[in-house]
Amino acid sequence: MQERMSRLIQIDWEGPYSLETLTDLQDIFQDYGIYQVYGKHPVYGKDVLLYIGKADKQTLGKRVLQENWWDTNDSKHLKIYAGRLAGEQTPADEIWSKEIDLVERFLISVHKPAYNSKSLWLIRDVEFQDLHILNWGDYRDLLPEISGLRWTSRLDTSEYNIYSYATNK
């Protein structure tokens, strides 16, 4: 068995919020992290994951409102979910910012929301190989747990043998 150090990031998801209730997400002490937008897509249907974004240097409520979701043909039915990073203690701002960025890019890479397609080329496999994310609360259509060991090329060249009982002869 191979032992590796893993970077664990937990996300506590809350929602849904509408565009009108995003003002509830403007606490300058804690409303930073990741958000998901659900709504109608012409190909994928109603109430599907459209977008994953991040709010790092500004609150979730402020960031989501900057993206012109009001201009969609179904803006009254959009559902927004806020994900705040969680753990034993709040890290330094620089580390917190880096974790928000890693989580956003890894969630986009794994879930491939329709409106994030241009961001997929930004994914560098090696950055995520030791990352492990746990989604808690109202995480909706996201996987509850994602691991860099599973979703990257880290194990592609590993050699392994199928377990079998040894015979005593």
N, C-alpha and C. Protein backbone atom coordinates (compact mmCIF):
# COMPACT_ATOMS: atom_id res chain seq x y z
N MET A 1 0.84 -1.17 0.00
CA MET A 1 0.00 0.00 0.00
C MET A 1 0.89 1.24 0.00
N GLN A 2 0.52 2.18 -0.82
CA GLN A 2 1.28 3.42 -0.94
C GLN A 2 0.61 4.51 -0.09
N GLU A 3 1.38 5.21 0.73
CA GLU A 3 0.83 6.28 1.54
C GLU A 3 1.23 7.61 0.93
N ARG A 4 0.25 8.53 0.90
CA ARG A 4 0.47 9.86 0.34
C ARG A 4 -0.18 10.88 1.25
N MET A 5 0.38 12.05 1.28
CA MET A 5 -0.24 13.16 2.00
C MET A 5 -1.32 13.76 1.09
N SER A 6 -2.45 14.01 1.66
CA SER A 6 -3.57 14.58 0.91
C SER A 6 -3.95 15.92 1.50
N ARG A 7 -4.36 16.84 0.65
CA ARG A 7 -4.84 18.15 1.10
C ARG A 7 -6.35 18.09 1.12
N LEU A 8 -6.93 18.11 2.31
CA LEU A 8 -8.37 18.01 2.49
C LEU A 8 -8.99 19.39 2.58
N ILE A 9 -9.99 19.64 1.73
CA ILE A 9 -10.76 20.87 1.79
C ILE A 9 -12.24 20.49 1.88
N GLN A 10 -12.89 21.02 2.90
CA GLN A 10 -14.31 20.76 3.09
C GLN A 10 -15.11 22.00 2.70
N ILE A 11 -16.28 21.76 2.12
CA ILE A 11 -17.13 22.87 1.70
C ILE A 11 -18.52 22.65 2.31
N ASP A 12 -19.02 23.68 2.96
CA ASP A 12 -20.36 23.66 3.54
C ASP A 12 -21.27 24.46 2.61
N TRP A 13 -22.21 23.76 1.94
CA TRP A 13 -23.08 24.37 0.94
C TRP A 13 -24.40 24.77 1.56
N GLU A 14 -24.92 25.90 1.08
CA GLU A 14 -26.18 26.45 1.58
C GLU A 14 -26.97 27.00 0.40
N GLY A 15 -28.28 26.86 0.46
CA GLY A 15 -29.12 27.41 -0.58
C GLY A 15 -30.44 26.68 -0.64
N PRO A 16 -31.26 26.99 -1.60
CA PRO A 16 -30.97 27.90 -2.72
C PRO A 16 -31.25 29.37 -2.38
N TYR A 17 -30.54 30.23 -3.11
CA TYR A 17 -30.78 31.66 -3.10
C TYR A 17 -31.28 32.04 -4.49
N SER A 18 -32.04 33.09 -4.56
CA SER A 18 -32.45 33.65 -5.85
C SER A 18 -31.60 34.90 -6.08
N LEU A 19 -31.71 35.48 -7.26
CA LEU A 19 -30.97 36.72 -7.51
C LEU A 19 -31.41 37.81 -6.54
N GLU A 20 -32.68 37.78 -6.15
CA GLU A 20 -33.20 38.79 -5.23
C GLU A 20 -32.67 38.61 -3.80
N THR A 21 -32.35 37.38 -3.39
CA THR A 21 -31.93 37.15 -2.00
C THR A 21 -30.41 37.08 -1.83
N LEU A 22 -29.67 37.40 -2.87
CA LEU A 22 -28.20 37.37 -2.77
C LEU A 22 -27.65 38.40 -1.79
N THR A 23 -28.45 39.38 -1.43
CA THR A 23 -28.01 40.37 -0.44
C THR A 23 -27.75 39.69 0.91
N ASP A 24 -28.31 38.49 1.12
CA ASP A 24 -28.06 37.74 2.35
C ASP A 24 -26.63 37.20 2.41
N LEU A 25 -25.90 37.27 1.29
CA LEU A 25 -24.55 36.70 1.21
C LEU A 25 -23.50 37.81 1.12
N GLN A 26 -23.58 38.80 1.99
CA GLN A 26 -22.64 39.91 1.93
C GLN A 26 -21.95 40.18 3.26
N ASP A 27 -21.80 39.13 4.06
CA ASP A 27 -21.08 39.24 5.33
C ASP A 27 -19.58 39.28 5.01
N ILE A 28 -18.94 40.42 5.28
CA ILE A 28 -17.53 40.59 4.88
C ILE A 28 -16.57 39.71 5.68
N PHE A 29 -17.05 39.00 6.69
CA PHE A 29 -16.19 38.14 7.48
C PHE A 29 -16.22 36.68 7.02
N GLN A 30 -17.29 36.25 6.33
CA GLN A 30 -17.36 34.83 6.00
C GLN A 30 -17.96 34.49 4.64
N ASP A 31 -18.58 35.41 3.94
CA ASP A 31 -19.27 35.07 2.70
C ASP A 31 -18.34 35.06 1.48
N TYR A 32 -17.36 34.16 1.53
CA TYR A 32 -16.41 33.97 0.43
C TYR A 32 -16.37 32.48 0.13
N GLY A 33 -16.05 32.13 -1.10
CA GLY A 33 -15.96 30.72 -1.44
C GLY A 33 -16.38 30.44 -2.86
N ILE A 34 -17.21 29.41 -3.00
CA ILE A 34 -17.61 28.90 -4.30
C ILE A 34 -19.13 29.01 -4.42
N TYR A 35 -19.61 29.16 -5.64
CA TYR A 35 -21.06 29.15 -5.83
C TYR A 35 -21.43 28.32 -7.06
N GLN A 36 -22.64 27.79 -7.03
CA GLN A 36 -23.19 27.04 -8.14
C GLN A 36 -24.45 27.76 -8.61
N VAL A 37 -24.66 27.78 -9.91
CA VAL A 37 -25.87 28.37 -10.47
C VAL A 37 -26.62 27.28 -11.22
N TYR A 38 -27.91 27.13 -10.89
CA TYR A 38 -28.78 26.16 -11.55
C TYR A 38 -29.89 26.91 -12.27
N GLY A 39 -30.27 26.40 -13.43
CA GLY A 39 -31.34 27.03 -14.19
C GLY A 39 -31.64 26.23 -15.44
N LYS A 40 -32.26 26.90 -16.39
CA LYS A 40 -32.69 26.27 -17.64
C LYS A 40 -31.59 26.37 -18.69
N HIS A 41 -31.36 25.26 -19.37
CA HIS A 41 -30.39 25.21 -20.47
C HIS A 41 -31.12 24.67 -21.70
N PRO A 42 -30.90 25.24 -22.89
CA PRO A 42 -31.64 24.81 -24.07
C PRO A 42 -31.41 23.34 -24.47
N VAL A 43 -30.29 22.79 -24.11
CA VAL A 43 -29.99 21.39 -24.45
C VAL A 43 -30.21 20.45 -23.26
N TYR A 44 -29.74 20.84 -22.09
CA TYR A 44 -29.75 19.95 -20.93
C TYR A 44 -31.03 19.98 -20.10
N GLY A 45 -31.90 20.97 -20.31
CA GLY A 45 -33.19 21.00 -19.64
C GLY A 45 -33.28 22.02 -18.52
N LYS A 46 -34.29 21.81 -17.64
CA LYS A 46 -34.57 22.73 -16.54
C LYS A 46 -33.81 22.32 -15.29
N ASP A 47 -33.52 23.31 -14.48
CA ASP A 47 -32.92 23.10 -13.15
C ASP A 47 -31.66 22.24 -13.20
N VAL A 48 -30.75 22.60 -14.10
CA VAL A 48 -29.48 21.88 -14.24
C VAL A 48 -28.32 22.79 -13.82
N LEU A 49 -27.22 22.16 -13.46
CA LEU A 49 -26.01 22.91 -13.10
C LEU A 49 -25.50 23.65 -14.33
N LEU A 50 -25.51 24.98 -14.25
CA LEU A 50 -25.06 25.81 -15.37
C LEU A 50 -23.64 26.33 -15.19
N TYR A 51 -23.28 26.63 -13.94
CA TYR A 51 -22.05 27.37 -13.73
C TYR A 51 -21.52 27.16 -12.31
N ILE A 52 -20.20 27.11 -12.19
CA ILE A 52 -19.52 27.11 -10.90
C ILE A 52 -18.57 28.30 -10.94
N GLY A 53 -18.62 29.13 -9.90
CA GLY A 53 -17.76 30.30 -9.83
C GLY A 53 -17.17 30.47 -8.44
N LYS A 54 -16.35 31.50 -8.29
CA LYS A 54 -15.71 31.74 -7.00
C LYS A 54 -15.87 33.20 -6.61
N ALA A 55 -15.88 33.42 -5.31
CA ALA A 55 -15.88 34.76 -4.74
C ALA A 55 -14.76 34.78 -3.73
N ASP A 56 -13.70 35.48 -4.06
CA ASP A 56 -12.50 35.46 -3.24
C ASP A 56 -12.27 36.81 -2.57
N LYS A 57 -12.06 37.83 -3.31
CA LYS A 57 -11.76 39.15 -2.75
C LYS A 57 -13.02 39.99 -2.55
N GLN A 58 -14.17 39.42 -2.87
CA GLN A 58 -15.45 40.07 -2.66
C GLN A 58 -16.46 39.02 -2.23
N THR A 59 -17.54 39.45 -1.61
CA THR A 59 -18.50 38.49 -1.07
C THR A 59 -19.23 37.74 -2.19
N LEU A 60 -19.77 36.60 -1.81
CA LEU A 60 -20.53 35.78 -2.76
C LEU A 60 -21.69 36.59 -3.36
N GLY A 61 -22.43 37.31 -2.51
CA GLY A 61 -23.56 38.09 -3.00
C GLY A 61 -23.15 39.13 -4.03
N LYS A 62 -22.06 39.81 -3.79
CA LYS A 62 -21.58 40.83 -4.72
C LYS A 62 -21.08 40.20 -6.02
N ARG A 63 -20.32 39.13 -5.91
CA ARG A 63 -19.71 38.50 -7.10
C ARG A 63 -20.76 37.94 -8.05
N VAL A 64 -21.74 37.22 -7.54
CA VAL A 64 -22.74 36.61 -8.42
C VAL A 64 -23.51 37.68 -9.17
N LEU A 65 -23.83 38.77 -8.51
CA LEU A 65 -24.59 39.84 -9.17
C LEU A 65 -23.82 40.53 -10.29
N GLN A 66 -22.50 40.40 -10.32
CA GLN A 66 -21.69 41.02 -11.37
C GLN A 66 -21.74 40.25 -12.69
N GLU A 67 -22.31 39.08 -12.69
CA GLU A 67 -22.22 38.21 -13.87
C GLU A 67 -23.41 38.27 -14.82
N ASN A 68 -24.28 39.22 -14.66
CA ASN A 68 -25.40 39.43 -15.59
C ASN A 68 -26.35 38.25 -15.72
N TRP A 69 -26.60 37.55 -14.63
CA TRP A 69 -27.57 36.46 -14.67
C TRP A 69 -28.98 36.98 -14.91
N TRP A 70 -29.18 38.28 -14.68
CA TRP A 70 -30.50 38.88 -14.93
C TRP A 70 -30.85 38.81 -16.41
N ASP A 71 -29.84 38.74 -17.27
CA ASP A 71 -30.08 38.76 -18.72
C ASP A 71 -30.45 37.40 -19.31
N THR A 72 -30.55 36.38 -18.49
CA THR A 72 -30.94 35.07 -19.03
C THR A 72 -32.45 35.04 -19.22
N ASN A 73 -32.91 34.15 -20.09
CA ASN A 73 -34.34 34.09 -20.40
C ASN A 73 -35.17 33.49 -19.26
N ASP A 74 -34.53 32.98 -18.23
CA ASP A 74 -35.24 32.32 -17.14
C ASP A 74 -34.69 32.78 -15.78
N SER A 75 -34.31 34.05 -15.68
CA SER A 75 -33.62 34.54 -14.49
C SER A 75 -34.44 34.43 -13.21
N LYS A 76 -35.75 34.45 -13.30
CA LYS A 76 -36.59 34.35 -12.10
C LYS A 76 -36.56 32.95 -11.48
N HIS A 77 -36.09 31.97 -12.24
CA HIS A 77 -36.06 30.59 -11.74
C HIS A 77 -34.65 30.09 -11.42
N LEU A 78 -33.66 30.97 -11.50
CA LEU A 78 -32.30 30.58 -11.16
C LEU A 78 -32.20 30.24 -9.68
N LYS A 79 -31.37 29.25 -9.37
CA LYS A 79 -31.09 28.88 -7.99
C LYS A 79 -29.58 28.94 -7.79
N ILE A 80 -29.18 29.65 -6.76
CA ILE A 80 -27.76 29.81 -6.47
C ILE A 80 -27.46 29.15 -5.13
N TYR A 81 -26.37 28.40 -5.10
CA TYR A 81 -25.93 27.72 -3.87
C TYR A 81 -24.56 28.25 -3.51
N ALA A 82 -24.39 28.59 -2.24
CA ALA A 82 -23.15 29.17 -1.74
C ALA A 82 -22.36 28.12 -0.98
N GLY A 83 -21.10 27.98 -1.32
CA GLY A 83 -20.21 27.03 -0.65
C GLY A 83 -19.09 27.76 0.07
N ARG A 84 -19.06 27.61 1.39
CA ARG A 84 -18.00 28.22 2.19
C ARG A 84 -17.01 27.14 2.62
N LEU A 85 -15.73 27.41 2.45
CA LEU A 85 -14.72 26.45 2.88
C LEU A 85 -14.74 26.34 4.40
N ALA A 86 -14.53 25.13 4.89
CA ALA A 86 -14.64 24.88 6.32
C ALA A 86 -13.50 23.99 6.79
N GLY A 87 -13.16 24.12 8.05
CA GLY A 87 -12.11 23.29 8.62
C GLY A 87 -11.92 23.63 10.08
N GLU A 88 -10.85 23.11 10.66
CA GLU A 88 -10.58 23.31 12.08
C GLU A 88 -10.32 24.78 12.41
N GLN A 89 -9.66 25.48 11.50
CA GLN A 89 -9.40 26.91 11.71
C GLN A 89 -9.27 27.61 10.37
N THR A 90 -9.57 28.89 10.35
CA THR A 90 -9.45 29.68 9.12
C THR A 90 -7.98 29.89 8.80
N PRO A 91 -7.56 29.54 7.60
CA PRO A 91 -6.14 29.74 7.24
C PRO A 91 -5.85 31.21 6.96
N ALA A 92 -4.59 31.52 6.77
CA ALA A 92 -4.18 32.86 6.38
C ALA A 92 -4.85 33.22 5.06
N ASP A 93 -5.08 34.52 4.81
CA ASP A 93 -5.80 34.97 3.62
C ASP A 93 -5.22 34.41 2.32
N GLU A 94 -3.90 34.37 2.21
CA GLU A 94 -3.26 33.88 0.99
C GLU A 94 -3.57 32.40 0.75
N ILE A 95 -3.55 31.61 1.80
CA ILE A 95 -3.86 30.17 1.68
C ILE A 95 -5.34 29.98 1.39
N TRP A 96 -6.20 30.72 2.08
CA TRP A 96 -7.64 30.65 1.85
C TRP A 96 -7.95 30.98 0.38
N SER A 97 -7.33 32.01 -0.14
CA SER A 97 -7.52 32.42 -1.53
C SER A 97 -7.07 31.32 -2.49
N LYS A 98 -5.94 30.72 -2.23
CA LYS A 98 -5.42 29.63 -3.07
C LYS A 98 -6.37 28.43 -3.03
N GLU A 99 -6.90 28.11 -1.84
CA GLU A 99 -7.83 26.98 -1.73
C GLU A 99 -9.12 27.25 -2.49
N ILE A 100 -9.64 28.47 -2.42
CA ILE A 100 -10.85 28.83 -3.18
C ILE A 100 -10.60 28.62 -4.66
N ASP A 101 -9.44 29.07 -5.15
CA ASP A 101 -9.11 28.92 -6.57
C ASP A 101 -8.99 27.45 -6.96
N LEU A 102 -8.28 26.65 -6.16
CA LEU A 102 -8.12 25.22 -6.46
C LEU A 102 -9.47 24.50 -6.49
N VAL A 103 -10.30 24.80 -5.49
CA VAL A 103 -11.61 24.14 -5.40
C VAL A 103 -12.46 24.49 -6.62
N GLU A 104 -12.51 25.76 -6.98
CA GLU A 104 -13.32 26.15 -8.14
C GLU A 104 -12.86 25.41 -9.40
N ARG A 105 -11.57 25.43 -9.67
CA ARG A 105 -11.06 24.80 -10.89
C ARG A 105 -11.26 23.29 -10.88
N PHE A 106 -11.10 22.66 -9.71
CA PHE A 106 -11.26 21.20 -9.64
C PHE A 106 -12.74 20.82 -9.80
N LEU A 107 -13.65 21.56 -9.17
CA LEU A 107 -15.08 21.28 -9.33
C LEU A 107 -15.51 21.46 -10.79
N ILE A 108 -15.00 22.50 -11.44
CA ILE A 108 -15.32 22.70 -12.86
C ILE A 108 -14.77 21.54 -13.69
N SER A 109 -13.56 21.13 -13.43
CA SER A 109 -12.93 20.04 -14.17
C SER A 109 -13.71 18.74 -14.06
N VAL A 110 -14.17 18.43 -12.86
CA VAL A 110 -14.87 17.16 -12.63
C VAL A 110 -16.31 17.21 -13.12
N HIS A 111 -17.04 18.32 -12.87
CA HIS A 111 -18.47 18.38 -13.17
C HIS A 111 -18.83 18.97 -14.52
N LYS A 112 -17.94 19.74 -15.11
CA LYS A 112 -18.09 20.31 -16.45
C LYS A 112 -19.43 21.01 -16.69
N PRO A 113 -19.74 22.05 -15.89
CA PRO A 113 -20.99 22.78 -16.13
C PRO A 113 -21.00 23.43 -17.51
N ALA A 114 -22.17 23.53 -18.11
CA ALA A 114 -22.31 24.01 -19.48
C ALA A 114 -21.70 25.39 -19.72
N TYR A 115 -21.84 26.31 -18.78
CA TYR A 115 -21.36 27.67 -19.00
C TYR A 115 -19.93 27.89 -18.52
N ASN A 116 -19.25 26.84 -18.10
CA ASN A 116 -17.84 26.94 -17.72
C ASN A 116 -16.92 26.35 -18.78
N SER A 117 -17.39 26.06 -19.94
CA SER A 117 -16.59 25.32 -20.93
C SER A 117 -15.29 26.02 -21.29
N LYS A 118 -15.26 27.33 -21.33
CA LYS A 118 -14.01 28.01 -21.70
C LYS A 118 -12.97 27.94 -20.60
N SER A 119 -13.36 27.60 -19.37
CA SER A 119 -12.41 27.53 -18.26
C SER A 119 -11.72 26.17 -18.17
N LEU A 120 -12.18 25.18 -18.91
CA LEU A 120 -11.63 23.84 -18.76
C LEU A 120 -10.17 23.75 -19.19
N TRP A 121 -9.72 24.57 -20.08
CA TRP A 121 -8.33 24.50 -20.52
C TRP A 121 -7.36 25.01 -19.46
N LEU A 122 -7.86 25.67 -18.40
CA LEU A 122 -6.99 26.19 -17.35
C LEU A 122 -6.55 25.12 -16.35
N ILE A 123 -7.08 23.92 -16.47
CA ILE A 123 -6.83 22.88 -15.49
C ILE A 123 -5.45 22.26 -15.71
N ARG A 124 -4.62 22.29 -14.67
CA ARG A 124 -3.32 21.63 -14.72
C ARG A 124 -3.39 20.43 -13.77
N ASP A 125 -3.38 19.28 -14.33
CA ASP A 125 -3.58 18.01 -13.65
C ASP A 125 -2.76 17.87 -12.37
N VAL A 126 -1.50 18.24 -12.39
CA VAL A 126 -0.61 18.00 -11.26
C VAL A 126 -1.04 18.76 -10.01
N GLU A 127 -1.70 19.91 -10.17
CA GLU A 127 -2.15 20.69 -9.02
C GLU A 127 -3.20 19.98 -8.18
N PHE A 128 -3.91 19.05 -8.78
CA PHE A 128 -5.05 18.42 -8.12
C PHE A 128 -4.79 17.00 -7.66
N GLN A 129 -3.62 16.48 -7.93
CA GLN A 129 -3.35 15.06 -7.66
C GLN A 129 -3.48 14.68 -6.19
N ASP A 130 -3.18 15.57 -5.28
CA ASP A 130 -3.25 15.25 -3.85
C ASP A 130 -4.39 16.00 -3.16
N LEU A 131 -5.32 16.55 -3.94
CA LEU A 131 -6.44 17.30 -3.39
C LEU A 131 -7.62 16.37 -3.13
N HIS A 132 -8.28 16.59 -2.01
CA HIS A 132 -9.45 15.80 -1.65
C HIS A 132 -10.52 16.77 -1.15
N ILE A 133 -11.69 16.77 -1.78
CA ILE A 133 -12.76 17.70 -1.43
C ILE A 133 -13.96 16.93 -0.91
N LEU A 134 -14.49 17.40 0.22
CA LEU A 134 -15.73 16.86 0.79
C LEU A 134 -16.79 17.95 0.71
N ASN A 135 -17.92 17.65 0.07
CA ASN A 135 -19.04 18.57 -0.02
C ASN A 135 -20.09 18.20 1.01
N TRP A 136 -20.49 19.18 1.83
CA TRP A 136 -21.47 18.97 2.90
C TRP A 136 -22.67 19.89 2.67
N GLY A 137 -23.80 19.53 3.25
CA GLY A 137 -24.98 20.40 3.19
C GLY A 137 -25.71 20.28 1.86
N ASP A 138 -26.14 21.42 1.33
CA ASP A 138 -26.95 21.47 0.10
C ASP A 138 -26.06 21.55 -1.14
N TYR A 139 -25.29 20.50 -1.39
CA TYR A 139 -24.34 20.54 -2.51
C TYR A 139 -24.96 20.18 -3.85
N ARG A 140 -26.26 19.86 -3.85
CA ARG A 140 -27.04 19.61 -5.05
C ARG A 140 -26.47 18.50 -5.93
N ASP A 141 -26.12 18.84 -7.19
CA ASP A 141 -25.69 17.82 -8.16
C ASP A 141 -24.19 17.54 -8.13
N LEU A 142 -23.48 18.18 -7.25
CA LEU A 142 -22.04 17.89 -7.13
C LEU A 142 -21.86 16.54 -6.47
N LEU A 143 -20.77 15.89 -6.78
CA LEU A 143 -20.44 14.65 -6.08
C LEU A 143 -20.13 14.98 -4.63
N PRO A 144 -20.51 14.12 -3.69
CA PRO A 144 -20.25 14.43 -2.28
C PRO A 144 -18.76 14.43 -1.94
N GLU A 145 -17.98 13.75 -2.74
CA GLU A 145 -16.54 13.64 -2.45
C GLU A 145 -15.80 13.50 -3.77
N ILE A 146 -14.74 14.28 -3.94
CA ILE A 146 -13.89 14.11 -5.12
C ILE A 146 -12.43 14.07 -4.68
N SER A 147 -11.69 13.23 -5.35
CA SER A 147 -10.29 13.01 -5.00
C SER A 147 -9.41 13.18 -6.22
N GLY A 148 -8.30 13.86 -6.03
CA GLY A 148 -7.34 14.02 -7.11
C GLY A 148 -6.76 12.70 -7.57
N LEU A 149 -6.70 11.72 -6.68
CA LEU A 149 -6.21 10.41 -7.09
C LEU A 149 -7.14 9.78 -8.13
N ARG A 150 -8.43 10.05 -8.00
CA ARG A 150 -9.42 9.46 -8.93
C ARG A 150 -9.56 10.28 -10.21
N TRP A 151 -9.53 11.61 -10.11
CA TRP A 151 -9.89 12.47 -11.23
C TRP A 151 -8.70 13.07 -11.96
N THR A 152 -7.50 12.60 -11.68
CA THR A 152 -6.32 13.09 -12.41
C THR A 152 -5.58 11.88 -12.99
N SER A 153 -4.47 12.15 -13.62
CA SER A 153 -3.67 11.07 -14.21
C SER A 153 -2.70 10.45 -13.22
N ARG A 154 -2.78 10.81 -11.96
CA ARG A 154 -1.83 10.37 -10.93
C ARG A 154 -1.60 8.87 -10.92
N LEU A 155 -2.65 8.09 -11.07
CA LEU A 155 -2.52 6.63 -10.99
C LEU A 155 -2.51 5.95 -12.36
N ASP A 156 -2.49 6.72 -13.43
CA ASP A 156 -2.55 6.14 -14.78
C ASP A 156 -1.41 5.18 -15.09
N THR A 157 -0.24 5.45 -14.56
CA THR A 157 0.91 4.60 -14.89
C THR A 157 1.31 3.68 -13.74
N SER A 158 0.49 3.67 -12.68
CA SER A 158 0.80 2.79 -11.55
C SER A 158 0.60 1.33 -11.93
N GLU A 159 1.51 0.51 -11.46
CA GLU A 159 1.35 -0.92 -11.68
C GLU A 159 0.69 -1.52 -10.46
N TYR A 160 -0.18 -2.46 -10.69
CA TYR A 160 -0.87 -3.11 -9.59
C TYR A 160 -1.23 -4.53 -9.98
N ASN A 161 -1.47 -5.33 -8.99
CA ASN A 161 -1.88 -6.72 -9.19
C ASN A 161 -3.23 -6.92 -8.52
N ILE A 162 -4.05 -7.73 -9.12
CA ILE A 162 -5.33 -8.10 -8.53
C ILE A 162 -5.04 -8.97 -7.32
N TYR A 163 -5.69 -8.69 -6.19
CA TYR A 163 -5.50 -9.50 -4.99
C TYR A 163 -5.97 -10.93 -5.25
N SER A 164 -5.24 -11.86 -4.68
CA SER A 164 -5.66 -13.27 -4.75
C SER A 164 -5.08 -14.00 -3.53
N TYR A 165 -5.72 -15.06 -3.14
CA TYR A 165 -5.23 -15.85 -2.01
C TYR A 165 -4.00 -16.62 -2.44
N ALA A 166 -3.04 -16.66 -1.57
CA ALA A 166 -1.84 -17.44 -1.83
C ALA A 166 -2.16 -18.92 -1.56
N THR A 167 -1.65 -19.77 -2.37
CA THR A 167 -1.89 -21.20 -2.15
C THR A 167 -0.71 -21.79 -1.41
N ASN A 168 -0.98 -22.65 -0.47
CA ASN A 168 0.09 -23.35 0.28
C ASN A 168 0.32 -24.71 -0.39
N LYS A 169 1.44 -24.88 -1.03
CA LYS A 169 1.72 -26.15 -1.70
C LYS A 169 2.90 -26.80 -1.08
